[in-house]
Amino acid sequence: MGKAWKFGHDIDTDVIIPARYLNSSDPAFLAAHCMEDADTSFAQKVQDGDIIVGGKNFGCGSSREHAPVAIKAAKVKAVIAESYARIFYRNSLNIGMPILECPEAVAGIDNGDEVDVDLSSGQIRNLTKGTSFQARPFPVFMQDLIKAGGLIPYVKGNRKNA
């Protein structure tokens, strides 16, 4: 359960992590500047388990992996959006950052609402309003990939168990 941080349509990777900070790949440094061009107080106020809610085409722009890394390092539990730029979607899953597509949830969640996300079932509950929404859940292997922390830890872990 966490607070919803709602942003609009076409939030690009330069808004998520401005290019002026790309001289570092340190996750903590990136988290300290996450979303600052959209909300200068985001990085200081976001709490472990909070949720980012976006509109259409979230993560558009460049293919930089720094954007989902910044969000994940800021301890955001998940991103819920109407739709994602394809490369952002892949980059997010590759680093184990859960992202859900659910236009109904985006429409039914306001900034500051308390939201709970069950990644295994895809259920999104707005605790502030007492409503719930259903996103398509990830297949079990993708849930395992997210739990492992991304593609590389997932593959390394599976090799150990083979």
N, C-alpha and C. Protein backbone atom coordinates (compact mmCIF):
# COMPACT_ATOMS: atom_id res chain seq x y z
N MET A 1 0.85 -1.18 0.00
CA MET A 1 0.00 0.00 0.00
C MET A 1 0.89 1.24 0.00
N GLY A 2 0.48 2.21 -0.80
CA GLY A 2 1.26 3.44 -0.85
C GLY A 2 0.45 4.58 -1.44
N LYS A 3 1.04 5.73 -1.41
CA LYS A 3 0.43 6.94 -1.93
C LYS A 3 0.59 6.99 -3.45
N ALA A 4 -0.44 7.46 -4.13
CA ALA A 4 -0.38 7.62 -5.58
C ALA A 4 0.21 8.99 -5.92
N TRP A 5 1.15 8.96 -6.85
CA TRP A 5 1.75 10.16 -7.43
C TRP A 5 1.30 10.19 -8.88
N LYS A 6 0.36 11.07 -9.19
CA LYS A 6 -0.25 11.04 -10.52
C LYS A 6 0.37 12.08 -11.44
N PHE A 7 0.71 11.60 -12.64
CA PHE A 7 1.28 12.44 -13.68
C PHE A 7 0.44 12.28 -14.94
N GLY A 8 0.64 13.12 -15.91
CA GLY A 8 -0.19 13.14 -17.11
C GLY A 8 0.29 12.23 -18.21
N HIS A 9 -0.11 12.59 -19.43
CA HIS A 9 0.25 11.84 -20.63
C HIS A 9 1.67 12.22 -21.09
N ASP A 10 2.27 11.32 -21.84
CA ASP A 10 3.55 11.56 -22.50
C ASP A 10 4.67 11.97 -21.54
N ILE A 11 4.72 11.34 -20.39
CA ILE A 11 5.83 11.58 -19.46
C ILE A 11 7.04 10.89 -20.06
N ASP A 12 8.00 11.68 -20.53
CA ASP A 12 9.14 11.08 -21.23
C ASP A 12 10.29 10.80 -20.27
N THR A 13 11.26 10.07 -20.78
CA THR A 13 12.39 9.65 -19.94
C THR A 13 13.20 10.84 -19.43
N ASP A 14 13.16 11.96 -20.14
CA ASP A 14 13.89 13.15 -19.69
C ASP A 14 13.17 13.82 -18.52
N VAL A 15 11.89 13.59 -18.38
CA VAL A 15 11.16 14.08 -17.21
C VAL A 15 11.41 13.12 -16.03
N ILE A 16 11.43 11.83 -16.32
CA ILE A 16 11.64 10.84 -15.27
C ILE A 16 13.02 11.01 -14.65
N ILE A 17 14.05 11.12 -15.49
CA ILE A 17 15.40 11.42 -15.01
C ILE A 17 16.06 12.34 -16.03
N PRO A 18 16.13 13.63 -15.70
CA PRO A 18 16.68 14.61 -16.64
C PRO A 18 18.09 14.26 -17.12
N ALA A 19 18.34 14.56 -18.38
CA ALA A 19 19.62 14.22 -19.02
C ALA A 19 20.82 14.80 -18.27
N ARG A 20 20.64 15.90 -17.57
CA ARG A 20 21.78 16.51 -16.86
C ARG A 20 22.33 15.60 -15.75
N TYR A 21 21.58 14.54 -15.39
CA TYR A 21 22.03 13.62 -14.36
C TYR A 21 22.53 12.29 -14.91
N LEU A 22 22.63 12.18 -16.22
CA LEU A 22 23.01 10.90 -16.82
C LEU A 22 24.51 10.64 -16.80
N ASN A 23 25.25 11.51 -16.14
CA ASN A 23 26.69 11.25 -15.99
C ASN A 23 26.95 10.21 -14.90
N SER A 24 25.89 9.73 -14.28
CA SER A 24 26.01 8.71 -13.25
C SER A 24 25.02 7.58 -13.53
N SER A 25 25.40 6.38 -13.18
CA SER A 25 24.47 5.25 -13.26
C SER A 25 24.17 4.72 -11.85
N ASP A 26 24.60 5.47 -10.83
CA ASP A 26 24.36 5.08 -9.44
C ASP A 26 22.86 5.19 -9.13
N PRO A 27 22.20 4.09 -8.79
CA PRO A 27 20.76 4.13 -8.54
C PRO A 27 20.34 5.14 -7.47
N ALA A 28 21.09 5.27 -6.39
CA ALA A 28 20.73 6.22 -5.33
C ALA A 28 20.80 7.66 -5.84
N PHE A 29 21.79 7.98 -6.64
CA PHE A 29 21.92 9.31 -7.22
C PHE A 29 20.74 9.57 -8.16
N LEU A 30 20.40 8.60 -8.99
CA LEU A 30 19.28 8.76 -9.92
C LEU A 30 17.97 8.93 -9.16
N ALA A 31 17.78 8.16 -8.10
CA ALA A 31 16.56 8.26 -7.30
C ALA A 31 16.40 9.65 -6.70
N ALA A 32 17.51 10.27 -6.32
CA ALA A 32 17.47 11.60 -5.72
C ALA A 32 16.98 12.67 -6.69
N HIS A 33 16.99 12.35 -7.99
CA HIS A 33 16.55 13.31 -9.00
C HIS A 33 15.35 12.81 -9.80
N CYS A 34 14.77 11.71 -9.37
CA CYS A 34 13.65 11.10 -10.07
C CYS A 34 12.45 12.06 -10.13
N MET A 35 11.92 12.25 -11.29
CA MET A 35 10.71 13.04 -11.56
C MET A 35 10.84 14.52 -11.21
N GLU A 36 12.05 15.01 -10.98
CA GLU A 36 12.18 16.38 -10.49
C GLU A 36 11.73 17.44 -11.49
N ASP A 37 11.75 17.15 -12.79
CA ASP A 37 11.26 18.15 -13.75
C ASP A 37 9.74 18.18 -13.83
N ALA A 38 9.08 17.17 -13.26
CA ALA A 38 7.61 17.17 -13.18
C ALA A 38 7.13 17.63 -11.80
N ASP A 39 7.89 17.28 -10.76
CA ASP A 39 7.54 17.62 -9.38
C ASP A 39 8.85 17.72 -8.60
N THR A 40 9.26 18.94 -8.31
CA THR A 40 10.57 19.15 -7.66
C THR A 40 10.66 18.51 -6.28
N SER A 41 9.53 18.21 -5.65
CA SER A 41 9.57 17.63 -4.31
C SER A 41 9.41 16.11 -4.31
N PHE A 42 9.21 15.51 -5.47
CA PHE A 42 8.94 14.07 -5.54
C PHE A 42 9.99 13.25 -4.81
N ALA A 43 11.24 13.40 -5.16
CA ALA A 43 12.31 12.56 -4.59
C ALA A 43 12.42 12.71 -3.07
N GLN A 44 12.09 13.88 -2.54
CA GLN A 44 12.17 14.08 -1.10
C GLN A 44 10.94 13.53 -0.37
N LYS A 45 9.82 13.45 -1.06
CA LYS A 45 8.57 13.05 -0.40
C LYS A 45 8.12 11.62 -0.69
N VAL A 46 8.57 11.03 -1.79
CA VAL A 46 8.13 9.67 -2.12
C VAL A 46 8.56 8.71 -1.02
N GLN A 47 7.69 7.77 -0.70
CA GLN A 47 7.95 6.79 0.35
C GLN A 47 8.04 5.39 -0.25
N ASP A 48 8.74 4.53 0.44
CA ASP A 48 8.85 3.14 0.04
C ASP A 48 7.44 2.56 -0.13
N GLY A 49 7.16 2.02 -1.31
CA GLY A 49 5.85 1.41 -1.57
C GLY A 49 4.86 2.32 -2.27
N ASP A 50 5.22 3.58 -2.50
CA ASP A 50 4.32 4.47 -3.23
C ASP A 50 4.17 4.01 -4.68
N ILE A 51 3.17 4.54 -5.34
CA ILE A 51 2.81 4.14 -6.70
C ILE A 51 2.83 5.36 -7.61
N ILE A 52 3.42 5.23 -8.79
CA ILE A 52 3.32 6.28 -9.80
C ILE A 52 2.18 5.91 -10.74
N VAL A 53 1.33 6.88 -11.02
CA VAL A 53 0.21 6.70 -11.95
C VAL A 53 0.41 7.67 -13.10
N GLY A 54 0.41 7.14 -14.30
CA GLY A 54 0.64 7.96 -15.48
C GLY A 54 -0.45 7.76 -16.52
N GLY A 55 -0.46 8.65 -17.49
CA GLY A 55 -1.44 8.57 -18.56
C GLY A 55 -0.96 7.70 -19.71
N LYS A 56 -1.23 8.16 -20.91
CA LYS A 56 -0.83 7.44 -22.11
C LYS A 56 0.65 7.69 -22.41
N ASN A 57 1.30 6.68 -22.98
CA ASN A 57 2.65 6.80 -23.51
C ASN A 57 3.69 7.12 -22.43
N PHE A 58 3.53 6.57 -21.25
CA PHE A 58 4.47 6.80 -20.16
C PHE A 58 5.83 6.23 -20.55
N GLY A 59 6.88 6.99 -20.33
CA GLY A 59 8.23 6.53 -20.61
C GLY A 59 8.67 6.70 -22.05
N CYS A 60 7.99 7.58 -22.77
CA CYS A 60 8.37 7.83 -24.17
C CYS A 60 9.70 8.58 -24.19
N GLY A 61 10.25 8.74 -25.37
CA GLY A 61 11.51 9.47 -25.50
C GLY A 61 12.66 8.53 -25.75
N SER A 62 13.76 8.79 -25.11
CA SER A 62 14.96 8.00 -25.36
C SER A 62 14.84 6.62 -24.73
N SER A 63 15.77 5.76 -25.11
CA SER A 63 15.73 4.38 -24.63
C SER A 63 16.52 4.18 -23.34
N ARG A 64 16.87 5.25 -22.67
CA ARG A 64 17.74 5.13 -21.49
C ARG A 64 17.13 4.25 -20.40
N GLU A 65 17.94 3.32 -19.95
CA GLU A 65 17.53 2.44 -18.86
C GLU A 65 17.53 3.18 -17.52
N HIS A 66 18.18 4.33 -17.49
CA HIS A 66 18.26 5.13 -16.26
C HIS A 66 16.86 5.48 -15.73
N ALA A 67 15.87 5.64 -16.62
CA ALA A 67 14.54 6.07 -16.18
C ALA A 67 13.88 5.04 -15.27
N PRO A 68 13.71 3.79 -15.67
CA PRO A 68 13.12 2.84 -14.72
C PRO A 68 14.02 2.56 -13.52
N VAL A 69 15.34 2.66 -13.70
CA VAL A 69 16.26 2.48 -12.57
C VAL A 69 16.00 3.56 -11.52
N ALA A 70 15.81 4.80 -11.95
CA ALA A 70 15.54 5.90 -11.02
C ALA A 70 14.25 5.66 -10.25
N ILE A 71 13.22 5.21 -10.95
CA ILE A 71 11.92 4.95 -10.30
C ILE A 71 12.06 3.81 -9.29
N LYS A 72 12.68 2.73 -9.71
CA LYS A 72 12.84 1.58 -8.81
C LYS A 72 13.70 1.95 -7.60
N ALA A 73 14.77 2.70 -7.82
CA ALA A 73 15.66 3.10 -6.73
C ALA A 73 14.98 4.06 -5.77
N ALA A 74 13.95 4.78 -6.24
CA ALA A 74 13.17 5.67 -5.36
C ALA A 74 12.19 4.87 -4.50
N LYS A 75 12.23 3.54 -4.65
CA LYS A 75 11.42 2.60 -3.87
C LYS A 75 9.94 2.65 -4.22
N VAL A 76 9.64 3.07 -5.46
CA VAL A 76 8.27 3.02 -5.96
C VAL A 76 7.91 1.55 -6.17
N LYS A 77 6.75 1.14 -5.68
CA LYS A 77 6.35 -0.27 -5.76
C LYS A 77 5.97 -0.67 -7.18
N ALA A 78 5.28 0.22 -7.89
CA ALA A 78 4.83 -0.09 -9.25
C ALA A 78 4.45 1.19 -9.95
N VAL A 79 4.39 1.10 -11.27
CA VAL A 79 3.85 2.18 -12.09
C VAL A 79 2.59 1.64 -12.75
N ILE A 80 1.53 2.44 -12.70
CA ILE A 80 0.28 2.11 -13.37
C ILE A 80 0.05 3.20 -14.40
N ALA A 81 -0.17 2.83 -15.64
CA ALA A 81 -0.40 3.83 -16.69
C ALA A 81 -1.41 3.29 -17.69
N GLU A 82 -1.92 4.22 -18.52
CA GLU A 82 -2.82 3.81 -19.59
C GLU A 82 -2.07 3.01 -20.64
N SER A 83 -0.86 3.46 -20.97
CA SER A 83 0.00 2.76 -21.93
C SER A 83 1.43 3.21 -21.73
N TYR A 84 2.36 2.44 -22.28
CA TYR A 84 3.79 2.70 -22.13
C TYR A 84 4.47 2.75 -23.49
N ALA A 85 5.55 3.50 -23.54
CA ALA A 85 6.44 3.39 -24.69
C ALA A 85 7.07 1.99 -24.62
N ARG A 86 7.17 1.36 -25.76
CA ARG A 86 7.63 -0.04 -25.79
C ARG A 86 8.99 -0.25 -25.14
N ILE A 87 9.97 0.61 -25.42
CA ILE A 87 11.31 0.42 -24.86
C ILE A 87 11.31 0.63 -23.34
N PHE A 88 10.51 1.56 -22.84
CA PHE A 88 10.41 1.76 -21.39
C PHE A 88 9.81 0.51 -20.74
N TYR A 89 8.81 -0.05 -21.37
CA TYR A 89 8.16 -1.25 -20.86
C TYR A 89 9.19 -2.37 -20.72
N ARG A 90 9.98 -2.61 -21.78
CA ARG A 90 10.98 -3.67 -21.75
C ARG A 90 12.08 -3.36 -20.73
N ASN A 91 12.56 -2.13 -20.72
CA ASN A 91 13.61 -1.76 -19.76
C ASN A 91 13.13 -1.95 -18.32
N SER A 92 11.88 -1.60 -18.06
CA SER A 92 11.34 -1.75 -16.71
C SER A 92 11.33 -3.21 -16.27
N LEU A 93 10.81 -4.05 -17.12
CA LEU A 93 10.76 -5.47 -16.77
C LEU A 93 12.16 -6.07 -16.68
N ASN A 94 13.06 -5.63 -17.53
CA ASN A 94 14.43 -6.15 -17.50
C ASN A 94 15.14 -5.86 -16.19
N ILE A 95 14.76 -4.78 -15.50
CA ILE A 95 15.38 -4.48 -14.21
C ILE A 95 14.48 -4.86 -13.03
N GLY A 96 13.34 -5.50 -13.32
CA GLY A 96 12.44 -5.95 -12.25
C GLY A 96 11.53 -4.88 -11.69
N MET A 97 11.25 -3.83 -12.48
CA MET A 97 10.34 -2.77 -12.05
C MET A 97 8.93 -3.11 -12.55
N PRO A 98 8.00 -3.41 -11.64
CA PRO A 98 6.65 -3.78 -12.06
C PRO A 98 5.87 -2.60 -12.65
N ILE A 99 5.30 -2.83 -13.81
CA ILE A 99 4.48 -1.82 -14.45
C ILE A 99 3.19 -2.48 -14.95
N LEU A 100 2.09 -1.81 -14.72
CA LEU A 100 0.78 -2.35 -15.09
C LEU A 100 0.06 -1.38 -16.01
N GLU A 101 -0.61 -1.92 -17.01
CA GLU A 101 -1.48 -1.11 -17.87
C GLU A 101 -2.91 -1.28 -17.41
N CYS A 102 -3.55 -0.17 -17.06
CA CYS A 102 -4.93 -0.24 -16.62
C CYS A 102 -5.56 1.16 -16.72
N PRO A 103 -6.11 1.50 -17.88
CA PRO A 103 -6.72 2.83 -18.06
C PRO A 103 -7.81 3.14 -17.04
N GLU A 104 -8.57 2.12 -16.63
CA GLU A 104 -9.64 2.34 -15.66
C GLU A 104 -9.08 2.77 -14.31
N ALA A 105 -7.98 2.16 -13.90
CA ALA A 105 -7.36 2.54 -12.63
C ALA A 105 -6.82 3.95 -12.71
N VAL A 106 -6.19 4.29 -13.83
CA VAL A 106 -5.66 5.66 -14.00
C VAL A 106 -6.79 6.67 -13.86
N ALA A 107 -7.92 6.38 -14.47
CA ALA A 107 -9.07 7.30 -14.39
C ALA A 107 -9.66 7.36 -12.98
N GLY A 108 -9.53 6.26 -12.22
CA GLY A 108 -10.15 6.18 -10.91
C GLY A 108 -9.24 6.49 -9.74
N ILE A 109 -8.00 6.89 -10.00
CA ILE A 109 -7.05 7.21 -8.94
C ILE A 109 -6.65 8.66 -9.04
N ASP A 110 -6.74 9.38 -7.94
CA ASP A 110 -6.31 10.77 -7.88
C ASP A 110 -4.99 10.87 -7.13
N ASN A 111 -4.27 11.95 -7.38
CA ASN A 111 -3.02 12.21 -6.68
C ASN A 111 -3.26 12.17 -5.18
N GLY A 112 -2.44 11.42 -4.47
CA GLY A 112 -2.55 11.34 -3.02
C GLY A 112 -3.41 10.20 -2.51
N ASP A 113 -4.17 9.54 -3.37
CA ASP A 113 -4.99 8.41 -2.93
C ASP A 113 -4.08 7.29 -2.42
N GLU A 114 -4.58 6.53 -1.46
CA GLU A 114 -3.87 5.35 -0.98
C GLU A 114 -4.25 4.18 -1.88
N VAL A 115 -3.23 3.54 -2.44
CA VAL A 115 -3.45 2.49 -3.44
C VAL A 115 -2.69 1.24 -3.03
N ASP A 116 -3.31 0.10 -3.27
CA ASP A 116 -2.66 -1.19 -3.03
C ASP A 116 -2.66 -1.96 -4.34
N VAL A 117 -1.54 -2.58 -4.65
CA VAL A 117 -1.39 -3.34 -5.88
C VAL A 117 -0.98 -4.76 -5.53
N ASP A 118 -1.72 -5.74 -6.03
CA ASP A 118 -1.35 -7.14 -5.90
C ASP A 118 -0.79 -7.58 -7.25
N LEU A 119 0.52 -7.69 -7.32
CA LEU A 119 1.17 -7.99 -8.60
C LEU A 119 0.84 -9.40 -9.10
N SER A 120 0.59 -10.33 -8.20
CA SER A 120 0.32 -11.70 -8.63
C SER A 120 -1.06 -11.83 -9.28
N SER A 121 -2.03 -11.04 -8.83
CA SER A 121 -3.38 -11.13 -9.40
C SER A 121 -3.69 -9.99 -10.36
N GLY A 122 -2.90 -8.92 -10.32
CA GLY A 122 -3.18 -7.74 -11.14
C GLY A 122 -4.26 -6.84 -10.55
N GLN A 123 -4.68 -7.12 -9.33
CA GLN A 123 -5.72 -6.29 -8.71
C GLN A 123 -5.12 -5.00 -8.16
N ILE A 124 -5.80 -3.90 -8.47
CA ILE A 124 -5.41 -2.57 -8.00
C ILE A 124 -6.57 -2.06 -7.17
N ARG A 125 -6.30 -1.71 -5.93
CA ARG A 125 -7.37 -1.21 -5.06
C ARG A 125 -7.07 0.22 -4.64
N ASN A 126 -8.05 1.09 -4.85
CA ASN A 126 -7.96 2.46 -4.35
C ASN A 126 -8.62 2.45 -2.98
N LEU A 127 -7.82 2.43 -1.93
CA LEU A 127 -8.33 2.34 -0.57
C LEU A 127 -9.01 3.63 -0.14
N THR A 128 -8.60 4.75 -0.72
CA THR A 128 -9.22 6.04 -0.39
C THR A 128 -10.67 6.08 -0.84
N LYS A 129 -10.94 5.55 -2.01
CA LYS A 129 -12.29 5.61 -2.60
C LYS A 129 -13.07 4.30 -2.47
N GLY A 130 -12.40 3.24 -2.02
CA GLY A 130 -13.07 1.95 -1.89
C GLY A 130 -13.41 1.30 -3.23
N THR A 131 -12.57 1.53 -4.22
CA THR A 131 -12.81 0.95 -5.54
C THR A 131 -11.67 0.00 -5.90
N SER A 132 -11.93 -0.86 -6.88
CA SER A 132 -10.87 -1.75 -7.34
C SER A 132 -10.92 -1.89 -8.86
N PHE A 133 -9.78 -2.25 -9.40
CA PHE A 133 -9.61 -2.35 -10.85
C PHE A 133 -8.80 -3.60 -11.13
N GLN A 134 -8.98 -4.13 -12.32
CA GLN A 134 -8.27 -5.35 -12.69
C GLN A 134 -7.35 -5.09 -13.88
N ALA A 135 -6.06 -5.19 -13.63
CA ALA A 135 -5.06 -5.17 -14.69
C ALA A 135 -4.75 -6.63 -15.04
N ARG A 136 -4.22 -6.84 -16.22
CA ARG A 136 -3.82 -8.20 -16.59
C ARG A 136 -2.59 -8.57 -15.76
N PRO A 137 -2.69 -9.67 -15.01
CA PRO A 137 -1.53 -10.07 -14.20
C PRO A 137 -0.40 -10.59 -15.08
N PHE A 138 0.81 -10.49 -14.58
CA PHE A 138 1.96 -11.05 -15.28
C PHE A 138 1.91 -12.57 -15.20
N PRO A 139 2.39 -13.25 -16.24
CA PRO A 139 2.53 -14.71 -16.13
C PRO A 139 3.51 -15.04 -15.00
N VAL A 140 3.45 -16.26 -14.51
CA VAL A 140 4.26 -16.67 -13.36
C VAL A 140 5.75 -16.43 -13.61
N PHE A 141 6.26 -16.75 -14.80
CA PHE A 141 7.70 -16.57 -15.04
C PHE A 141 8.08 -15.09 -14.97
N MET A 142 7.17 -14.17 -15.39
CA MET A 142 7.46 -12.74 -15.28
C MET A 142 7.39 -12.28 -13.83
N GLN A 143 6.48 -12.85 -13.06
CA GLN A 143 6.43 -12.54 -11.63
C GLN A 143 7.73 -12.98 -10.96
N ASP A 144 8.24 -14.14 -11.36
CA ASP A 144 9.51 -14.63 -10.82
C ASP A 144 10.66 -13.71 -11.23
N LEU A 145 10.64 -13.22 -12.46
CA LEU A 145 11.67 -12.31 -12.95
C LEU A 145 11.66 -11.01 -12.13
N ILE A 146 10.48 -10.48 -11.87
CA ILE A 146 10.35 -9.25 -11.08
C ILE A 146 10.84 -9.49 -9.65
N LYS A 147 10.42 -10.61 -9.05
CA LYS A 147 10.86 -10.94 -7.69
C LYS A 147 12.37 -11.12 -7.59
N ALA A 148 12.97 -11.63 -8.67
CA ALA A 148 14.43 -11.84 -8.69
C ALA A 148 15.19 -10.53 -8.80
N GLY A 149 14.50 -9.45 -9.20
CA GLY A 149 15.15 -8.16 -9.34
C GLY A 149 15.51 -7.82 -10.76
N GLY A 150 15.03 -8.62 -11.71
CA GLY A 150 15.28 -8.32 -13.11
C GLY A 150 15.77 -9.53 -13.88
N LEU A 151 16.01 -9.31 -15.16
CA LEU A 151 16.38 -10.38 -16.07
C LEU A 151 17.71 -11.05 -15.70
N ILE A 152 18.73 -10.27 -15.44
CA ILE A 152 20.05 -10.85 -15.16
C ILE A 152 20.03 -11.68 -13.87
N PRO A 153 19.52 -11.15 -12.75
CA PRO A 153 19.47 -12.00 -11.55
C PRO A 153 18.58 -13.23 -11.74
N TYR A 154 17.52 -13.07 -12.53
CA TYR A 154 16.62 -14.20 -12.80
C TYR A 154 17.34 -15.31 -13.54
N VAL A 155 18.07 -14.94 -14.59
CA VAL A 155 18.80 -15.94 -15.37
C VAL A 155 19.91 -16.56 -14.54
N LYS A 156 20.64 -15.77 -13.80
CA LYS A 156 21.71 -16.31 -12.94
C LYS A 156 21.12 -17.28 -11.90
N GLY A 157 20.00 -16.92 -11.34
CA GLY A 157 19.35 -17.78 -10.34
C GLY A 157 18.86 -19.09 -10.94
N ASN A 158 18.33 -19.02 -12.15
CA ASN A 158 17.85 -20.24 -12.79
C ASN A 158 18.98 -21.16 -13.19
N ARG A 159 20.13 -20.59 -13.52
CA ARG A 159 21.30 -21.42 -13.87
C ARG A 159 21.79 -22.19 -12.64
N LYS A 160 21.70 -21.55 -11.49
CA LYS A 160 22.15 -22.21 -10.26
C LYS A 160 21.24 -23.39 -9.93
N ASN A 161 19.95 -23.26 -10.27
CA ASN A 161 18.98 -24.31 -9.94
C ASN A 161 18.88 -25.36 -11.04
N ALA A 162 19.54 -25.19 -12.16
CA ALA A 162 19.40 -26.14 -13.27
C ALA A 162 20.23 -27.38 -13.05
